[in-house]
Amino acid sequence: MEQGLSVSGLVIAYDGRTIVSGLDLAVPPREIVAVLGPSGCGKSSVLRCIAGVQAPQAGTIGWNGSDVTRVPAHLRRIGLVFQDPLLFPHRDVAGNVGFALPGRSSRESTARHERVRELLDLVGLPGFESRHITTLSGGEAQRVALARALAPRPHLLLLDEPFGALDRDLRDRLAVDVRALLERERTPALHVTHDRAEADLIASRVVHFTAAPA
């Protein structure tokens, strides 16, 4: 039975001002959903609540029929990619991609190496394992961040305007590539953007948020 992510009656407020009121949202398995809306409408706040790094004022967040609203973030198996790649400066590309993977035993180390190489191939960066992150372009850095988020095989990937700092042509290419990658990995995703063209390229369904009343 298809279930995936289900958000019901979500309410988010800051300093007494409600920015998200009674949101219902679903992301079935393997679907890529884009959330489109202006700045300040609560798009990123919804992602933070789903990820478990922010608590909503009301409502529930479910995964495959189980309520995870109060489950700690590190137990939700949700990947996050932001506009800033937030790569670790003291690690090379392989160290960044494999950060969340076990690697203490020889078997784990071999599996980790294979997973890192597989993902770098998938994001179009074969042979980049030993590259230092300071040598990467903006698009390459975002590809590394995406590979890192997908490495532990998350249940769901959350993308918070990951292409916002890139130029138009690169943004469009990455949107197409990311959609193909998510479909290949069979990973459902929720992609936040204010760019309609980007939403159409990456998502199979677009959800519109409106600005909260002043």
Protein backbone atom coordinates (compact mmCIF):
# COMPACT_ATOMS: atom_id res chain seq x y z
CA MET A 1 0.00 0.00 0.00
CA GLU A 2 1.38 3.42 -0.92
CA GLN A 3 1.85 5.70 2.06
CA GLY A 4 5.12 7.64 2.23
CA LEU A 5 5.08 11.07 3.85
CA SER A 6 1.85 12.52 5.21
CA VAL A 7 1.54 15.94 6.83
CA SER A 8 -1.80 16.75 8.47
CA GLY A 9 -3.04 19.99 10.00
CA LEU A 10 0.46 21.46 10.36
CA VAL A 11 0.64 24.84 12.10
CA ILE A 12 3.86 26.85 12.32
CA ALA A 13 4.14 30.20 14.08
CA TYR A 14 6.88 32.64 15.04
CA ASP A 15 6.46 35.20 17.82
CA GLY A 16 2.72 34.66 17.83
CA ARG A 17 2.35 35.10 14.07
CA THR A 18 1.10 32.04 12.17
CA ILE A 19 2.88 31.52 8.85
CA VAL A 20 1.55 28.03 8.08
CA SER A 21 -1.99 27.18 9.07
CA GLY A 22 -3.49 23.70 8.86
CA LEU A 23 -1.26 22.36 6.07
CA ASP A 24 -2.08 18.96 4.59
CA LEU A 25 0.56 17.47 2.30
CA ALA A 26 1.47 14.01 1.00
CA VAL A 27 4.51 12.64 -0.81
CA PRO A 28 3.90 9.04 -1.91
CA PRO A 29 6.81 6.63 -2.38
CA ARG A 30 9.04 7.48 -5.38
CA GLU A 31 7.26 10.77 -6.10
CA ILE A 32 9.06 14.10 -6.41
CA VAL A 33 6.93 17.02 -5.21
CA ALA A 34 7.91 20.66 -5.60
CA VAL A 35 6.69 23.32 -3.18
CA LEU A 36 6.43 26.63 -4.99
CA GLY A 37 5.85 29.95 -3.29
CA PRO A 38 7.20 33.40 -2.44
CA SER A 39 9.74 34.15 0.28
CA GLY A 40 8.26 34.13 3.76
CA CYS A 41 5.39 31.75 3.03
CA GLY A 42 6.78 29.00 5.28
CA LYS A 43 8.29 26.62 2.69
CA SER A 44 11.59 26.13 4.50
CA SER A 45 9.88 25.97 7.90
CA VAL A 46 7.76 23.06 6.67
CA LEU A 47 10.92 21.23 5.61
CA ARG A 48 12.51 21.80 9.01
CA CYS A 49 9.46 20.37 10.74
CA ILE A 50 9.44 17.32 8.46
CA ALA A 51 13.16 16.81 9.11
CA GLY A 52 12.61 17.05 12.85
CA VAL A 53 14.85 20.06 13.50
CA GLN A 54 11.89 22.30 14.34
CA ALA A 55 8.68 21.50 16.21
CA PRO A 56 5.33 22.65 14.79
CA GLN A 57 2.75 24.32 16.99
CA ALA A 58 0.14 21.75 15.93
CA GLY A 59 -0.43 18.95 13.45
CA THR A 60 1.15 15.59 12.72
CA ILE A 61 3.89 14.28 10.47
CA GLY A 62 3.64 10.64 9.44
CA TRP A 63 5.77 8.18 7.55
CA ASN A 64 4.19 4.99 6.16
CA GLY A 65 1.29 5.35 8.57
CA SER A 66 3.39 5.93 11.72
CA ASP A 67 3.35 9.26 13.57
CA VAL A 68 6.92 10.61 13.62
CA THR A 69 6.09 14.14 14.80
CA ARG A 70 8.09 13.66 18.01
CA VAL A 71 10.70 11.26 16.66
CA PRO A 72 14.23 12.78 16.93
CA ALA A 73 15.70 14.06 13.67
CA HIS A 74 18.55 11.54 13.59
CA LEU A 75 16.08 8.63 13.67
CA ARG A 76 13.88 9.81 10.79
CA ARG A 77 16.26 8.79 7.97
CA ILE A 78 15.64 11.99 6.03
CA GLY A 79 18.27 13.58 3.80
CA LEU A 80 18.67 17.36 3.52
CA VAL A 81 20.25 19.52 0.82
CA PHE A 82 20.37 23.30 1.22
CA GLN A 83 21.26 26.24 -1.02
CA ASP A 84 24.67 26.29 0.68
CA PRO A 85 26.22 22.82 0.17
CA LEU A 86 27.69 22.96 3.73
CA LEU A 87 30.53 20.59 2.82
CA PHE A 88 33.11 19.73 5.47
CA PRO A 89 36.29 21.72 4.72
CA HIS A 90 38.63 19.22 6.38
CA ARG A 91 37.39 16.28 4.27
CA ASP A 92 37.92 15.50 0.60
CA VAL A 93 35.01 14.67 -1.70
CA ALA A 94 34.96 10.98 -0.70
CA GLY A 95 35.08 11.94 2.98
CA ASN A 96 32.10 14.24 2.53
CA VAL A 97 29.99 11.77 0.55
CA GLY A 98 30.75 8.87 2.90
CA PHE A 99 30.42 10.89 6.11
CA ALA A 100 27.26 9.14 7.35
CA LEU A 101 28.31 5.66 6.24
CA PRO A 102 29.89 3.08 8.59
CA GLY A 103 33.46 2.19 7.79
CA ARG A 104 35.25 0.79 10.81
CA SER A 105 35.50 -2.86 9.72
CA SER A 106 37.15 -3.93 6.48
CA ARG A 107 33.77 -5.05 5.11
CA GLU A 108 32.16 -1.73 6.00
CA SER A 109 35.10 0.14 4.51
CA THR A 110 34.76 -1.74 1.22
CA ALA A 111 30.99 -1.14 1.09
CA ARG A 112 31.53 2.53 1.92
CA HIS A 113 34.06 2.96 -0.87
CA GLU A 114 31.76 1.27 -3.37
CA ARG A 115 28.77 3.40 -2.33
CA VAL A 116 30.80 6.62 -2.62
CA ARG A 117 32.08 5.65 -6.05
CA GLU A 118 28.57 4.64 -7.19
CA LEU A 119 27.08 7.96 -6.12
CA LEU A 120 29.86 10.06 -7.63
CA ASP A 121 29.27 8.26 -10.91
CA LEU A 122 25.52 8.91 -10.61
CA VAL A 123 25.95 12.65 -9.92
CA GLY A 124 28.39 13.01 -12.79
CA LEU A 125 31.61 13.32 -10.79
CA PRO A 126 33.50 10.06 -11.46
CA GLY A 127 37.04 10.05 -10.12
CA PHE A 128 36.48 13.02 -7.77
CA GLU A 129 37.07 11.02 -4.57
CA SER A 130 40.37 12.68 -3.61
CA ARG A 131 39.48 16.19 -4.79
CA HIS A 132 39.53 18.91 -2.14
CA ILE A 133 36.24 20.78 -1.86
CA THR A 134 37.94 24.15 -2.43
CA THR A 135 38.63 23.05 -6.02
CA LEU A 136 34.94 22.46 -6.80
CA SER A 137 32.67 24.76 -8.76
CA GLY A 138 29.27 25.70 -7.34
CA GLY A 139 27.50 23.04 -9.38
CA GLU A 140 30.05 20.37 -8.44
CA ALA A 141 29.73 21.24 -4.76
CA GLN A 142 25.95 20.83 -4.93
CA ARG A 143 26.38 17.46 -6.64
CA VAL A 144 28.65 16.36 -3.78
CA ALA A 145 26.08 17.59 -1.24
CA LEU A 146 23.38 15.62 -3.05
CA ALA A 147 25.52 12.47 -3.11
CA ARG A 148 26.22 12.87 0.63
CA ALA A 149 22.50 13.19 1.40
CA LEU A 150 21.67 10.08 -0.63
CA ALA A 151 24.58 7.94 0.63
CA PRO A 152 22.77 6.38 3.62
CA ARG A 153 19.70 5.63 1.47
CA PRO A 154 17.23 7.99 3.19
CA HIS A 155 13.51 7.35 3.23
CA LEU A 156 12.93 10.89 1.93
CA LEU A 157 15.08 13.69 0.52
CA LEU A 158 14.33 17.34 1.32
CA LEU A 159 15.77 19.97 -1.03
CA ASP A 160 15.64 23.56 0.21
CA GLU A 161 16.30 25.78 -2.84
CA PRO A 162 19.55 23.89 -3.58
CA PHE A 163 20.09 25.60 -6.95
CA GLY A 164 19.20 29.14 -5.91
CA ALA A 165 22.78 30.47 -6.09
CA LEU A 166 23.51 28.96 -9.53
CA ASP A 167 23.04 30.51 -12.96
CA ARG A 168 20.01 29.66 -15.07
CA ASP A 169 21.60 27.13 -17.42
CA LEU A 170 23.34 25.22 -14.62
CA ARG A 171 20.18 25.31 -12.50
CA ASP A 172 18.15 23.75 -15.29
CA ARG A 173 20.75 21.06 -15.99
CA LEU A 174 20.98 20.13 -12.32
CA ALA A 175 17.20 19.98 -11.96
CA VAL A 176 16.99 17.49 -14.82
CA ASP A 177 19.93 15.47 -13.49
CA VAL A 178 18.59 15.39 -9.94
CA ARG A 179 15.19 14.18 -11.09
CA ALA A 180 16.82 11.35 -13.06
CA LEU A 181 18.99 10.46 -10.07
CA LEU A 182 16.08 10.39 -7.62
CA GLU A 183 14.06 8.23 -9.99
CA ARG A 184 17.02 5.86 -10.37
CA GLU A 185 17.51 5.68 -6.60
CA ARG A 186 13.73 5.39 -6.07
CA THR A 187 13.90 8.12 -3.44
CA PRO A 188 10.86 10.36 -2.88
CA ALA A 189 11.65 14.04 -2.49
CA LEU A 190 10.16 17.37 -1.47
CA HIS A 191 11.79 20.24 -3.33
CA VAL A 192 11.29 23.85 -2.20
CA THR A 193 11.75 26.65 -4.71
CA HIS A 194 10.32 29.98 -5.83
CA ASP A 195 11.20 29.21 -9.47
CA ARG A 196 8.34 27.78 -11.52
CA ALA A 197 10.56 26.56 -14.36
CA GLU A 198 12.78 24.69 -11.90
CA ALA A 199 9.75 23.14 -10.20
CA ASP A 200 8.41 21.89 -13.53
CA LEU A 201 11.76 20.36 -14.46
CA ILE A 202 12.39 18.46 -11.25
CA ALA A 203 8.95 17.48 -9.96
CA SER A 204 6.12 15.23 -11.00
CA ARG A 205 3.71 17.42 -8.99
CA VAL A 206 3.80 21.05 -7.89
CA VAL A 207 2.17 22.35 -4.69
CA HIS A 208 1.59 26.10 -4.35
CA PHE A 209 2.06 27.97 -1.08
CA THR A 210 0.75 31.50 -0.64
CA ALA A 211 2.24 34.23 1.52
CA ALA A 212 0.98 34.36 5.09
CA PRO A 213 -1.28 37.33 5.87
CA ALA A 214 0.49 40.30 7.46
